[in-house]
Amino acid sequence: MYIMSFVAAVPTDQKDAYLAHCKAAAEIFKSHGALRVVEVWGDMVPEGETTSYGRAVNVKEGETVVTGWQEWPDKATCDANMEKAMSDPRLGAMGEMPFDAARLIYGGFETLVDI
């Protein structure tokens, strides 16, 4: 299993728009080989003194930290299909993302433990 993960800050009043965006994007990523797409809305995300989720994405007043991940069968499948998914015309047709993508952080992760 290979995981692509992200953290972003979403305007709290845009939760419904974000949810719609997530559902549509999830179907696109799944059509390109992702096994599972999970998006979670921050509920208990404390601000740290040195670092935190909020600091990582420069969360502002009126925003909520979100995180999520895409589960892929392996890194090779992710690498072969991520660019295809990102350039899928259906993704572009969704319009502007309901958050500031410049503050989104993401990365790919190899599985160490899966119990």
N, C-alpha and C. Protein backbone atom coordinates (compact mmCIF):
# COMPACT_ATOMS: atom_id res chain seq x y z
N MET A 1 0.85 -1.18 0.00
CA MET A 1 0.00 0.00 0.00
C MET A 1 0.89 1.24 0.00
N TYR A 2 0.45 2.28 -0.69
CA TYR A 2 1.15 3.57 -0.73
C TYR A 2 0.11 4.65 -0.45
N ILE A 3 0.48 5.63 0.38
CA ILE A 3 -0.45 6.68 0.80
C ILE A 3 0.02 8.04 0.31
N MET A 4 -0.89 8.77 -0.34
CA MET A 4 -0.67 10.19 -0.63
C MET A 4 -1.53 10.94 0.39
N SER A 5 -0.90 11.80 1.17
CA SER A 5 -1.58 12.49 2.25
C SER A 5 -1.45 14.00 2.09
N PHE A 6 -2.39 14.74 2.70
CA PHE A 6 -2.35 16.20 2.61
C PHE A 6 -2.96 16.83 3.86
N VAL A 7 -2.65 18.10 4.02
CA VAL A 7 -3.27 18.95 5.05
C VAL A 7 -3.56 20.28 4.38
N ALA A 8 -4.73 20.87 4.66
CA ALA A 8 -5.12 22.16 4.08
C ALA A 8 -5.96 22.94 5.08
N ALA A 9 -6.15 24.20 4.81
CA ALA A 9 -7.04 25.07 5.59
C ALA A 9 -8.20 25.47 4.69
N VAL A 10 -9.42 25.21 5.16
CA VAL A 10 -10.62 25.48 4.37
C VAL A 10 -11.49 26.50 5.10
N PRO A 11 -12.00 27.51 4.40
CA PRO A 11 -12.93 28.43 5.07
C PRO A 11 -14.09 27.61 5.67
N THR A 12 -14.32 27.80 6.95
CA THR A 12 -15.34 27.03 7.65
C THR A 12 -16.71 27.15 7.00
N ASP A 13 -17.02 28.34 6.49
CA ASP A 13 -18.33 28.52 5.86
C ASP A 13 -18.41 27.89 4.47
N GLN A 14 -17.33 27.27 4.02
CA GLN A 14 -17.30 26.59 2.72
C GLN A 14 -17.32 25.06 2.88
N LYS A 15 -17.72 24.59 4.05
CA LYS A 15 -17.69 23.15 4.31
C LYS A 15 -18.51 22.37 3.28
N ASP A 16 -19.71 22.82 2.96
CA ASP A 16 -20.55 22.11 1.99
C ASP A 16 -19.92 22.08 0.61
N ALA A 17 -19.34 23.20 0.19
CA ALA A 17 -18.67 23.26 -1.11
C ALA A 17 -17.45 22.34 -1.11
N TYR A 18 -16.72 22.31 0.01
CA TYR A 18 -15.56 21.44 0.12
C TYR A 18 -15.98 19.98 0.05
N LEU A 19 -17.05 19.63 0.73
CA LEU A 19 -17.55 18.26 0.71
C LEU A 19 -17.92 17.83 -0.71
N ALA A 20 -18.61 18.69 -1.44
CA ALA A 20 -18.97 18.37 -2.82
C ALA A 20 -17.72 18.19 -3.68
N HIS A 21 -16.74 19.08 -3.48
CA HIS A 21 -15.47 19.00 -4.20
C HIS A 21 -14.77 17.68 -3.90
N CYS A 22 -14.74 17.30 -2.63
CA CYS A 22 -14.08 16.06 -2.20
C CYS A 22 -14.71 14.83 -2.84
N LYS A 23 -16.03 14.78 -2.82
CA LYS A 23 -16.73 13.62 -3.38
C LYS A 23 -16.45 13.48 -4.87
N ALA A 24 -16.49 14.59 -5.59
CA ALA A 24 -16.24 14.53 -7.03
C ALA A 24 -14.79 14.15 -7.32
N ALA A 25 -13.86 14.74 -6.59
CA ALA A 25 -12.44 14.44 -6.80
C ALA A 25 -12.13 12.99 -6.44
N ALA A 26 -12.75 12.48 -5.39
CA ALA A 26 -12.52 11.09 -4.98
C ALA A 26 -12.87 10.13 -6.10
N GLU A 27 -13.98 10.36 -6.76
CA GLU A 27 -14.38 9.48 -7.87
C GLU A 27 -13.36 9.51 -9.01
N ILE A 28 -12.80 10.67 -9.25
CA ILE A 28 -11.79 10.81 -10.31
C ILE A 28 -10.53 10.03 -9.93
N PHE A 29 -10.04 10.22 -8.69
CA PHE A 29 -8.84 9.50 -8.26
C PHE A 29 -9.07 7.99 -8.24
N LYS A 30 -10.25 7.57 -7.82
CA LYS A 30 -10.55 6.14 -7.83
C LYS A 30 -10.60 5.59 -9.25
N SER A 31 -11.08 6.38 -10.18
CA SER A 31 -11.13 5.91 -11.58
C SER A 31 -9.73 5.77 -12.16
N HIS A 32 -8.74 6.39 -11.52
CA HIS A 32 -7.35 6.29 -11.97
C HIS A 32 -6.53 5.35 -11.10
N GLY A 33 -7.19 4.54 -10.27
CA GLY A 33 -6.47 3.50 -9.56
C GLY A 33 -6.36 3.62 -8.05
N ALA A 34 -6.78 4.74 -7.47
CA ALA A 34 -6.76 4.83 -6.00
C ALA A 34 -7.78 3.83 -5.45
N LEU A 35 -7.41 3.15 -4.39
CA LEU A 35 -8.31 2.16 -3.79
C LEU A 35 -9.31 2.81 -2.84
N ARG A 36 -8.88 3.88 -2.22
CA ARG A 36 -9.69 4.52 -1.18
C ARG A 36 -9.28 5.98 -1.08
N VAL A 37 -10.24 6.86 -0.84
CA VAL A 37 -9.97 8.27 -0.63
C VAL A 37 -10.70 8.68 0.64
N VAL A 38 -9.96 9.27 1.58
CA VAL A 38 -10.52 9.67 2.87
C VAL A 38 -10.25 11.16 3.07
N GLU A 39 -11.28 11.90 3.45
CA GLU A 39 -11.16 13.33 3.76
C GLU A 39 -11.77 13.52 5.14
N VAL A 40 -11.08 14.23 6.02
CA VAL A 40 -11.59 14.45 7.38
C VAL A 40 -11.53 15.93 7.73
N TRP A 41 -12.58 16.38 8.43
CA TRP A 41 -12.76 17.78 8.83
C TRP A 41 -12.27 17.95 10.25
N GLY A 42 -11.41 18.91 10.50
CA GLY A 42 -10.83 19.12 11.83
C GLY A 42 -11.88 19.34 12.90
N ASP A 43 -11.74 18.63 13.99
CA ASP A 43 -12.67 18.73 15.11
C ASP A 43 -11.92 19.11 16.39
N MET A 44 -10.76 18.51 16.60
CA MET A 44 -9.93 18.78 17.76
C MET A 44 -8.50 18.94 17.23
N VAL A 45 -8.16 20.15 16.83
CA VAL A 45 -6.87 20.41 16.21
C VAL A 45 -6.20 21.55 16.99
N PRO A 46 -5.52 21.20 18.09
CA PRO A 46 -4.94 22.25 18.94
C PRO A 46 -3.79 22.98 18.26
N GLU A 47 -3.65 24.25 18.62
CA GLU A 47 -2.52 25.03 18.11
C GLU A 47 -1.33 24.77 19.02
N GLY A 48 -0.24 24.35 18.43
CA GLY A 48 0.97 24.06 19.21
C GLY A 48 1.80 25.31 19.42
N GLU A 49 2.72 25.22 20.38
CA GLU A 49 3.62 26.34 20.64
C GLU A 49 4.74 26.40 19.61
N THR A 50 5.17 25.24 19.13
CA THR A 50 6.25 25.18 18.16
C THR A 50 5.74 24.84 16.78
N THR A 51 4.89 23.83 16.70
CA THR A 51 4.34 23.42 15.41
C THR A 51 2.98 22.77 15.62
N SER A 52 2.21 22.71 14.58
CA SER A 52 0.88 22.11 14.64
C SER A 52 0.34 22.01 13.21
N TYR A 53 -0.77 21.32 13.07
CA TYR A 53 -1.42 21.27 11.76
C TYR A 53 -1.75 22.69 11.28
N GLY A 54 -2.33 23.49 12.16
CA GLY A 54 -2.71 24.84 11.79
C GLY A 54 -1.53 25.69 11.35
N ARG A 55 -0.44 25.60 12.09
CA ARG A 55 0.76 26.35 11.71
C ARG A 55 1.29 25.88 10.37
N ALA A 56 1.20 24.59 10.12
CA ALA A 56 1.73 24.03 8.87
C ALA A 56 1.05 24.62 7.65
N VAL A 57 -0.24 24.93 7.77
CA VAL A 57 -0.99 25.46 6.62
C VAL A 57 -1.40 26.92 6.82
N ASN A 58 -0.83 27.56 7.84
CA ASN A 58 -1.10 28.97 8.12
C ASN A 58 -2.61 29.23 8.24
N VAL A 59 -3.27 28.41 9.07
CA VAL A 59 -4.72 28.54 9.25
C VAL A 59 -5.04 29.94 9.77
N LYS A 60 -6.10 30.51 9.23
CA LYS A 60 -6.54 31.86 9.61
C LYS A 60 -7.88 31.78 10.35
N GLU A 61 -8.24 32.86 10.99
CA GLU A 61 -9.54 32.95 11.65
C GLU A 61 -10.64 32.61 10.65
N GLY A 62 -11.58 31.77 11.06
CA GLY A 62 -12.67 31.40 10.17
C GLY A 62 -12.35 30.24 9.24
N GLU A 63 -11.23 29.57 9.47
CA GLU A 63 -10.86 28.41 8.67
C GLU A 63 -10.77 27.17 9.56
N THR A 64 -10.93 26.02 8.94
CA THR A 64 -10.82 24.74 9.62
C THR A 64 -9.73 23.92 8.93
N VAL A 65 -8.91 23.25 9.73
CA VAL A 65 -7.88 22.38 9.18
C VAL A 65 -8.53 21.07 8.74
N VAL A 66 -8.20 20.64 7.54
CA VAL A 66 -8.66 19.34 7.02
C VAL A 66 -7.43 18.52 6.66
N THR A 67 -7.62 17.23 6.67
CA THR A 67 -6.56 16.34 6.21
C THR A 67 -7.23 15.15 5.54
N GLY A 68 -6.43 14.41 4.84
CA GLY A 68 -6.97 13.24 4.17
C GLY A 68 -5.87 12.48 3.46
N TRP A 69 -6.29 11.39 2.82
CA TRP A 69 -5.32 10.57 2.13
C TRP A 69 -5.99 9.76 1.04
N GLN A 70 -5.14 9.36 0.12
CA GLN A 70 -5.54 8.43 -0.94
C GLN A 70 -4.71 7.17 -0.73
N GLU A 71 -5.38 6.05 -0.74
CA GLU A 71 -4.69 4.78 -0.61
C GLU A 71 -4.54 4.17 -2.00
N TRP A 72 -3.31 3.84 -2.36
CA TRP A 72 -2.99 3.24 -3.66
C TRP A 72 -2.44 1.84 -3.42
N PRO A 73 -2.55 0.94 -4.40
CA PRO A 73 -2.05 -0.42 -4.20
C PRO A 73 -0.54 -0.45 -3.90
N ASP A 74 0.20 0.46 -4.55
CA ASP A 74 1.66 0.53 -4.38
C ASP A 74 2.14 1.85 -5.00
N LYS A 75 3.40 2.17 -4.75
CA LYS A 75 3.97 3.43 -5.25
C LYS A 75 3.98 3.47 -6.78
N ALA A 76 4.28 2.35 -7.40
CA ALA A 76 4.33 2.32 -8.86
C ALA A 76 2.97 2.69 -9.47
N THR A 77 1.90 2.18 -8.90
CA THR A 77 0.55 2.50 -9.39
C THR A 77 0.25 3.98 -9.18
N CYS A 78 0.61 4.49 -8.01
CA CYS A 78 0.40 5.91 -7.72
C CYS A 78 1.18 6.77 -8.71
N ASP A 79 2.47 6.46 -8.87
CA ASP A 79 3.31 7.24 -9.78
C ASP A 79 2.78 7.20 -11.21
N ALA A 80 2.30 6.04 -11.64
CA ALA A 80 1.81 5.89 -13.01
C ALA A 80 0.49 6.61 -13.25
N ASN A 81 -0.27 6.84 -12.20
CA ASN A 81 -1.63 7.36 -12.39
C ASN A 81 -1.91 8.73 -11.78
N MET A 82 -1.07 9.21 -10.90
CA MET A 82 -1.33 10.50 -10.25
C MET A 82 -1.38 11.63 -11.27
N GLU A 83 -0.41 11.67 -12.18
CA GLU A 83 -0.41 12.74 -13.19
C GLU A 83 -1.64 12.64 -14.08
N LYS A 84 -2.04 11.42 -14.42
CA LYS A 84 -3.25 11.22 -15.23
C LYS A 84 -4.47 11.77 -14.50
N ALA A 85 -4.56 11.49 -13.21
CA ALA A 85 -5.69 11.99 -12.42
C ALA A 85 -5.68 13.51 -12.34
N MET A 86 -4.50 14.08 -12.09
CA MET A 86 -4.41 15.53 -11.94
C MET A 86 -4.69 16.26 -13.25
N SER A 87 -4.46 15.61 -14.38
CA SER A 87 -4.73 16.26 -15.68
C SER A 87 -6.06 15.80 -16.28
N ASP A 88 -6.82 15.03 -15.53
CA ASP A 88 -8.13 14.57 -16.00
C ASP A 88 -9.03 15.79 -16.21
N PRO A 89 -9.65 15.93 -17.38
CA PRO A 89 -10.50 17.11 -17.65
C PRO A 89 -11.65 17.26 -16.65
N ARG A 90 -12.10 16.15 -16.06
CA ARG A 90 -13.17 16.25 -15.07
C ARG A 90 -12.72 17.02 -13.84
N LEU A 91 -11.44 16.90 -13.48
CA LEU A 91 -10.92 17.64 -12.34
C LEU A 91 -10.89 19.13 -12.66
N GLY A 92 -10.43 19.48 -13.86
CA GLY A 92 -10.40 20.88 -14.28
C GLY A 92 -11.78 21.48 -14.39
N ALA A 93 -12.76 20.67 -14.80
CA ALA A 93 -14.13 21.15 -14.95
C ALA A 93 -14.80 21.44 -13.62
N MET A 94 -14.20 21.00 -12.52
CA MET A 94 -14.79 21.24 -11.20
C MET A 94 -14.67 22.71 -10.79
N GLY A 95 -13.83 23.45 -11.49
CA GLY A 95 -13.68 24.87 -11.19
C GLY A 95 -12.69 25.11 -10.06
N GLU A 96 -12.78 26.28 -9.49
CA GLU A 96 -11.84 26.69 -8.45
C GLU A 96 -12.04 25.88 -7.18
N MET A 97 -10.93 25.51 -6.56
CA MET A 97 -11.01 24.75 -5.31
C MET A 97 -11.53 25.66 -4.20
N PRO A 98 -12.31 25.12 -3.26
CA PRO A 98 -12.89 25.95 -2.20
C PRO A 98 -11.92 26.17 -1.02
N PHE A 99 -10.63 26.31 -1.33
CA PHE A 99 -9.62 26.60 -0.32
C PHE A 99 -8.39 27.14 -1.04
N ASP A 100 -7.44 27.68 -0.28
CA ASP A 100 -6.22 28.25 -0.83
C ASP A 100 -5.20 27.14 -1.06
N ALA A 101 -5.09 26.67 -2.29
CA ALA A 101 -4.19 25.56 -2.61
C ALA A 101 -2.72 25.90 -2.37
N ALA A 102 -2.38 27.18 -2.32
CA ALA A 102 -0.99 27.57 -2.07
C ALA A 102 -0.56 27.18 -0.65
N ARG A 103 -1.52 26.98 0.25
CA ARG A 103 -1.19 26.60 1.63
C ARG A 103 -1.40 25.10 1.88
N LEU A 104 -1.70 24.35 0.86
CA LEU A 104 -1.87 22.90 0.98
C LEU A 104 -0.49 22.25 1.05
N ILE A 105 -0.33 21.28 1.95
CA ILE A 105 0.90 20.50 1.98
C ILE A 105 0.53 19.05 1.70
N TYR A 106 1.41 18.33 1.03
CA TYR A 106 1.11 16.94 0.69
C TYR A 106 2.40 16.14 0.59
N GLY A 107 2.27 14.84 0.58
CA GLY A 107 3.42 13.96 0.40
C GLY A 107 2.98 12.53 0.22
N GLY A 108 3.91 11.72 -0.25
CA GLY A 108 3.67 10.30 -0.43
C GLY A 108 4.40 9.52 0.65
N PHE A 109 3.77 8.45 1.13
CA PHE A 109 4.31 7.70 2.26
C PHE A 109 4.25 6.20 2.03
N GLU A 110 5.36 5.52 2.33
CA GLU A 110 5.41 4.07 2.29
C GLU A 110 4.82 3.53 3.58
N THR A 111 4.17 2.40 3.51
CA THR A 111 3.56 1.78 4.69
C THR A 111 4.62 1.10 5.54
N LEU A 112 4.61 1.42 6.84
CA LEU A 112 5.48 0.74 7.79
C LEU A 112 4.70 -0.30 8.60
N VAL A 113 3.52 0.08 9.06
CA VAL A 113 2.68 -0.82 9.86
C VAL A 113 1.26 -0.70 9.36
N ASP A 114 0.59 -1.83 9.19
CA ASP A 114 -0.81 -1.87 8.79
C ASP A 114 -1.45 -3.04 9.54
N ILE A 115 -1.99 -2.74 10.69
CA ILE A 115 -2.53 -3.79 11.58
C ILE A 115 -4.04 -3.81 11.48
